[in-house]
Amino acid sequence: MAPIGTTARTGERCPESGVWKVVGTPTTTAPIAKGNVMPPYNNRAVTWSLTQYA
């Protein structure tokens, strides 16, 4: 299981199902399932950080 705080970039495969938060401002959270491609936010590539497990 990937630890809380694990990061993944837009376009990478999600390493762990859970709630992910965009690092920086503006921010948002999204539920993303393991194996899905990490999405962009505001039409740009961002770094996502795992905040809780699904």
PDB file of N, CA and C in Angstrom:
ATOM      1  N   MET A   1       0.852  -1.194   0.000  1.00  0.00           N
ATOM      2  CA  MET A   1       0.000   0.000   0.000  1.00  0.00           C
ATOM      3  C   MET A   1       0.894   1.253   0.000  1.00  0.00           C
ATOM      4  N   ALA A   2       0.589   2.181  -0.873  1.00  0.00           N
ATOM      5  CA  ALA A   2       1.359   3.425  -0.942  1.00  0.00           C
ATOM      6  C   ALA A   2       1.046   4.270   0.298  1.00  0.00           C
ATOM      7  N   PRO A   3       2.068   4.884   0.905  1.00  0.00           N
ATOM      8  CA  PRO A   3       1.819   5.680   2.116  1.00  0.00           C
ATOM      9  C   PRO A   3       1.079   6.989   1.819  1.00  0.00           C
ATOM     10  N   ILE A   4       0.332   7.480   2.826  1.00  0.00           N
ATOM     11  CA  ILE A   4      -0.298   8.800   2.731  1.00  0.00           C
ATOM     12  C   ILE A   4       0.819   9.802   2.441  1.00  0.00           C
ATOM     13  N   GLY A   5       0.565  10.724   1.519  1.00  0.00           N
ATOM     14  CA  GLY A   5       1.580  11.697   1.141  1.00  0.00           C
ATOM     15  C   GLY A   5       2.298  11.328  -0.147  1.00  0.00           C
ATOM     16  N   THR A   6       2.061  10.097  -0.630  1.00  0.00           N
ATOM     17  CA  THR A   6       2.619   9.691  -1.925  1.00  0.00           C
ATOM     18  C   THR A   6       2.149  10.679  -2.985  1.00  0.00           C
ATOM     19  N   THR A   7       3.022  11.012  -3.937  1.00  0.00           N
ATOM     20  CA  THR A   7       2.630  11.935  -5.005  1.00  0.00           C
ATOM     21  C   THR A   7       2.677  11.249  -6.364  1.00  0.00           C
ATOM     22  N   ALA A   8       1.865  11.777  -7.276  1.00  0.00           N
ATOM     23  CA  ALA A   8       1.845  11.302  -8.661  1.00  0.00           C
ATOM     24  C   ALA A   8       1.516  12.488  -9.553  1.00  0.00           C
ATOM     25  N   ARG A   9       2.116  12.518 -10.728  1.00  0.00           N
ATOM     26  CA  ARG A   9       1.912  13.625 -11.666  1.00  0.00           C
ATOM     27  C   ARG A   9       0.796  13.311 -12.644  1.00  0.00           C
ATOM     28  N   THR A  10       0.193  14.346 -13.199  1.00  0.00           N
ATOM     29  CA  THR A  10      -0.771  14.187 -14.284  1.00  0.00           C
ATOM     30  C   THR A  10      -0.158  13.303 -15.366  1.00  0.00           C
ATOM     31  N   GLY A  11      -0.931  12.310 -15.812  1.00  0.00           N
ATOM     32  CA  GLY A  11      -0.476  11.412 -16.871  1.00  0.00           C
ATOM     33  C   GLY A  11       0.121  10.114 -16.367  1.00  0.00           C
ATOM     34  N   GLU A  12       0.511  10.072 -15.089  1.00  0.00           N
ATOM     35  CA  GLU A  12       1.023   8.833 -14.499  1.00  0.00           C
ATOM     36  C   GLU A  12      -0.144   7.955 -14.066  1.00  0.00           C
ATOM     37  N   ARG A  13       0.127   6.664 -13.878  1.00  0.00           N
ATOM     38  CA  ARG A  13      -0.886   5.750 -13.353  1.00  0.00           C
ATOM     39  C   ARG A  13      -1.006   5.960 -11.843  1.00  0.00           C
ATOM     40  N   CYS A  14      -2.229   5.977 -11.353  1.00  0.00           N
ATOM     41  CA  CYS A  14      -2.481   6.149  -9.919  1.00  0.00           C
ATOM     42  C   CYS A  14      -1.927   4.944  -9.150  1.00  0.00           C
ATOM     43  N   PRO A  15      -1.041   5.179  -8.166  1.00  0.00           N
ATOM     44  CA  PRO A  15      -0.430   4.068  -7.445  1.00  0.00           C
ATOM     45  C   PRO A  15      -1.294   3.494  -6.325  1.00  0.00           C
ATOM     46  N   GLU A  16      -2.352   4.197  -5.926  1.00  0.00           N
ATOM     47  CA  GLU A  16      -3.185   3.745  -4.806  1.00  0.00           C
ATOM     48  C   GLU A  16      -4.565   4.392  -4.887  1.00  0.00           C
ATOM     49  N   SER A  17      -5.614   3.581  -4.721  1.00  0.00           N
ATOM     50  CA  SER A  17      -6.973   4.130  -4.694  1.00  0.00           C
ATOM     51  C   SER A  17      -7.168   4.975  -3.445  1.00  0.00           C
ATOM     52  N   GLY A  18      -7.774   6.147  -3.615  1.00  0.00           N
ATOM     53  CA  GLY A  18      -8.045   7.001  -2.468  1.00  0.00           C
ATOM     54  C   GLY A  18      -8.419   8.397  -2.899  1.00  0.00           C
ATOM     55  N   VAL A  19      -8.374   9.301  -1.938  1.00  0.00           N
ATOM     56  CA  VAL A  19      -8.660  10.713  -2.195  1.00  0.00           C
ATOM     57  C   VAL A  19      -7.331  11.419  -2.418  1.00  0.00           C
ATOM     58  N   TRP A  20      -7.209  12.065  -3.550  1.00  0.00           N
ATOM     59  CA  TRP A  20      -5.975  12.759  -3.953  1.00  0.00           C
ATOM     60  C   TRP A  20      -6.234  14.253  -3.979  1.00  0.00           C
ATOM     61  N   LYS A  21      -5.224  15.022  -3.598  1.00  0.00           N
ATOM     62  CA  LYS A  21      -5.330  16.492  -3.535  1.00  0.00           C
ATOM     63  C   LYS A  21      -4.245  17.107  -4.400  1.00  0.00           C
ATOM     64  N   VAL A  22      -4.605  18.157  -5.121  1.00  0.00           N
ATOM     65  CA  VAL A  22      -3.622  18.879  -5.925  1.00  0.00           C
ATOM     66  C   VAL A  22      -2.675  19.640  -5.001  1.00  0.00           C
ATOM     67  N   VAL A  23      -1.371  19.487  -5.240  1.00  0.00           N
ATOM     68  CA  VAL A  23      -0.351  20.211  -4.481  1.00  0.00           C
ATOM     69  C   VAL A  23      -0.258  21.623  -5.064  1.00  0.00           C
ATOM     70  N   GLY A  24      -0.435  22.645  -4.229  1.00  0.00           N
ATOM     71  CA  GLY A  24      -0.339  24.029  -4.695  1.00  0.00           C
ATOM     72  C   GLY A  24      -1.682  24.735  -4.665  1.00  0.00           C
ATOM     73  N   THR A  25      -1.743  25.870  -5.341  1.00  0.00           N
ATOM     74  CA  THR A  25      -2.942  26.708  -5.353  1.00  0.00           C
ATOM     75  C   THR A  25      -3.285  27.078  -6.794  1.00  0.00           C
ATOM     76  N   PRO A  26      -4.540  27.032  -7.253  1.00  0.00           N
ATOM     77  CA  PRO A  26      -5.684  26.526  -6.491  1.00  0.00           C
ATOM     78  C   PRO A  26      -5.588  25.014  -6.335  1.00  0.00           C
ATOM     79  N   THR A  27      -6.316  24.500  -5.357  1.00  0.00           N
ATOM     80  CA  THR A  27      -6.279  23.065  -5.109  1.00  0.00           C
ATOM     81  C   THR A  27      -7.671  22.475  -5.179  1.00  0.00           C
ATOM     82  N   THR A  28      -7.736  21.174  -5.285  1.00  0.00           N
ATOM     83  CA  THR A  28      -8.991  20.437  -5.261  1.00  0.00           C
ATOM     84  C   THR A  28      -8.670  19.035  -4.802  1.00  0.00           C
ATOM     85  N   THR A  29      -9.700  18.279  -4.461  1.00  0.00           N
ATOM     86  CA  THR A  29      -9.510  16.868  -4.148  1.00  0.00           C
ATOM     87  C   THR A  29     -10.359  16.049  -5.111  1.00  0.00           C
ATOM     88  N   ALA A  30      -9.953  14.806  -5.337  1.00  0.00           N
ATOM     89  CA  ALA A  30     -10.698  13.916  -6.218  1.00  0.00           C
ATOM     90  C   ALA A  30     -10.452  12.470  -5.816  1.00  0.00           C
ATOM     91  N   PRO A  31     -11.512  11.643  -5.865  1.00  0.00           N
ATOM     92  CA  PRO A  31     -11.304  10.217  -5.650  1.00  0.00           C
ATOM     93  C   PRO A  31     -10.755   9.613  -6.941  1.00  0.00           C
ATOM     94  N   ILE A  32      -9.619   8.928  -6.853  1.00  0.00           N
ATOM     95  CA  ILE A  32      -8.984   8.339  -8.037  1.00  0.00           C
ATOM     96  C   ILE A  32      -8.639   6.890  -7.706  1.00  0.00           C
ATOM     97  N   ALA A  33      -9.005   5.984  -8.594  1.00  0.00           N
ATOM     98  CA  ALA A  33      -8.773   4.560  -8.372  1.00  0.00           C
ATOM     99  C   ALA A  33      -7.404   4.134  -8.875  1.00  0.00           C
ATOM    100  N   LYS A  34      -6.810   3.175  -8.178  1.00  0.00           N
ATOM    101  CA  LYS A  34      -5.519   2.623  -8.554  1.00  0.00           C
ATOM    102  C   LYS A  34      -5.560   2.150 -10.001  1.00  0.00           C
ATOM    103  N   GLY A  35      -4.538   2.522 -10.767  1.00  0.00           N
ATOM    104  CA  GLY A  35      -4.446   2.126 -12.168  1.00  0.00           C
ATOM    105  C   GLY A  35      -4.998   3.144 -13.144  1.00  0.00           C
ATOM    106  N   ASN A  36      -5.833   4.065 -12.654  1.00  0.00           N
ATOM    107  CA  ASN A  36      -6.342   5.129 -13.521  1.00  0.00           C
ATOM    108  C   ASN A  36      -5.236   6.143 -13.798  1.00  0.00           C
ATOM    109  N   VAL A  37      -5.373   6.890 -14.888  1.00  0.00           N
ATOM    110  CA  VAL A  37      -4.400   7.935 -15.211  1.00  0.00           C
ATOM    111  C   VAL A  37      -4.723   9.171 -14.379  1.00  0.00           C
ATOM    112  N   MET A  38      -3.705   9.730 -13.737  1.00  0.00           N
ATOM    113  CA  MET A  38      -3.905  10.943 -12.935  1.00  0.00           C
ATOM    114  C   MET A  38      -4.319  12.089 -13.865  1.00  0.00           C
ATOM    115  N   PRO A  39      -5.406  12.774 -13.535  1.00  0.00           N
ATOM    116  CA  PRO A  39      -5.940  13.804 -14.442  1.00  0.00           C
ATOM    117  C   PRO A  39      -5.240  15.154 -14.302  1.00  0.00           C
ATOM    118  N   PRO A  40      -5.412  16.017 -15.325  1.00  0.00           N
ATOM    119  CA  PRO A  40      -4.972  17.408 -15.181  1.00  0.00           C
ATOM    120  C   PRO A  40      -5.960  18.169 -14.306  1.00  0.00           C
ATOM    121  N   TYR A  41      -5.583  19.356 -13.878  1.00  0.00           N
ATOM    122  CA  TYR A  41      -6.482  20.244 -13.137  1.00  0.00           C
ATOM    123  C   TYR A  41      -6.332  21.636 -13.720  1.00  0.00           C
ATOM    124  N   ASN A  42      -7.488  22.292 -13.987  1.00  0.00           N
ATOM    125  CA  ASN A  42      -7.478  23.614 -14.637  1.00  0.00           C
ATOM    126  C   ASN A  42      -6.688  23.574 -15.948  1.00  0.00           C
ATOM    127  N   ASN A  43      -6.823  22.460 -16.678  1.00  0.00           N
ATOM    128  CA  ASN A  43      -6.177  22.289 -17.985  1.00  0.00           C
ATOM    129  C   ASN A  43      -4.655  22.356 -17.927  1.00  0.00           C
ATOM    130  N   ARG A  44      -4.089  21.959 -16.789  1.00  0.00           N
ATOM    131  CA  ARG A  44      -2.626  21.918 -16.706  1.00  0.00           C
ATOM    132  C   ARG A  44      -2.193  20.683 -15.929  1.00  0.00           C
ATOM    133  N   ALA A  45      -0.955  20.280 -16.179  1.00  0.00           N
ATOM    134  CA  ALA A  45      -0.385  19.149 -15.458  1.00  0.00           C
ATOM    135  C   ALA A  45      -0.068  19.574 -14.034  1.00  0.00           C
ATOM    136  N   VAL A  46      -0.430  18.738 -13.084  1.00  0.00           N
ATOM    137  CA  VAL A  46      -0.218  19.051 -11.665  1.00  0.00           C
ATOM    138  C   VAL A  46       0.361  17.826 -10.952  1.00  0.00           C
ATOM    139  N   THR A  47       0.791  18.043  -9.728  1.00  0.00           N
ATOM    140  CA  THR A  47       1.194  16.956  -8.847  1.00  0.00           C
ATOM    141  C   THR A  47       0.043  16.703  -7.877  1.00  0.00           C
ATOM    142  N   TRP A  48      -0.348  15.439  -7.753  1.00  0.00           N
ATOM    143  CA  TRP A  48      -1.387  15.031  -6.823  1.00  0.00           C
ATOM    144  C   TRP A  48      -0.739  14.362  -5.618  1.00  0.00           C
ATOM    145  N   SER A  49      -1.308  14.548  -4.434  1.00  0.00           N
ATOM    146  CA  SER A  49      -0.807  13.927  -3.208  1.00  0.00           C
ATOM    147  C   SER A  49      -1.932  13.111  -2.570  1.00  0.00           C
ATOM    148  N   LEU A  50      -1.626  11.873  -2.178  1.00  0.00           N
ATOM    149  CA  LEU A  50      -2.627  11.000  -1.539  1.00  0.00           C
ATOM    150  C   LEU A  50      -2.920  11.510  -0.136  1.00  0.00           C
ATOM    151  N   THR A  51      -4.211  11.779   0.161  1.00  0.00           N
ATOM    152  CA  THR A  51      -4.580  12.305   1.472  1.00  0.00           C
ATOM    153  C   THR A  51      -5.320  11.285   2.333  1.00  0.00           C
ATOM    154  N   GLN A  52      -6.051  10.347   1.700  1.00  0.00           N
ATOM    155  CA  GLN A  52      -6.681   9.277   2.469  1.00  0.00           C
ATOM    156  C   GLN A  52      -6.955   8.092   1.577  1.00  0.00           C
ATOM    157  N   TYR A  53      -7.058   6.923   2.200  1.00  0.00           N
ATOM    158  CA  TYR A  53      -7.327   5.704   1.443  1.00  0.00           C
ATOM    159  C   TYR A  53      -8.815   5.580   1.141  1.00  0.00           C
ATOM    160  N   ALA A  54      -9.115   4.906   0.044  1.00  0.00           N
ATOM    161  CA  ALA A  54     -10.519   4.693  -0.338  1.00  0.00           C
ATOM    162  C   ALA A  54     -11.121   3.586   0.513  1.00  0.00           C
TER     163      ALA A  54
END
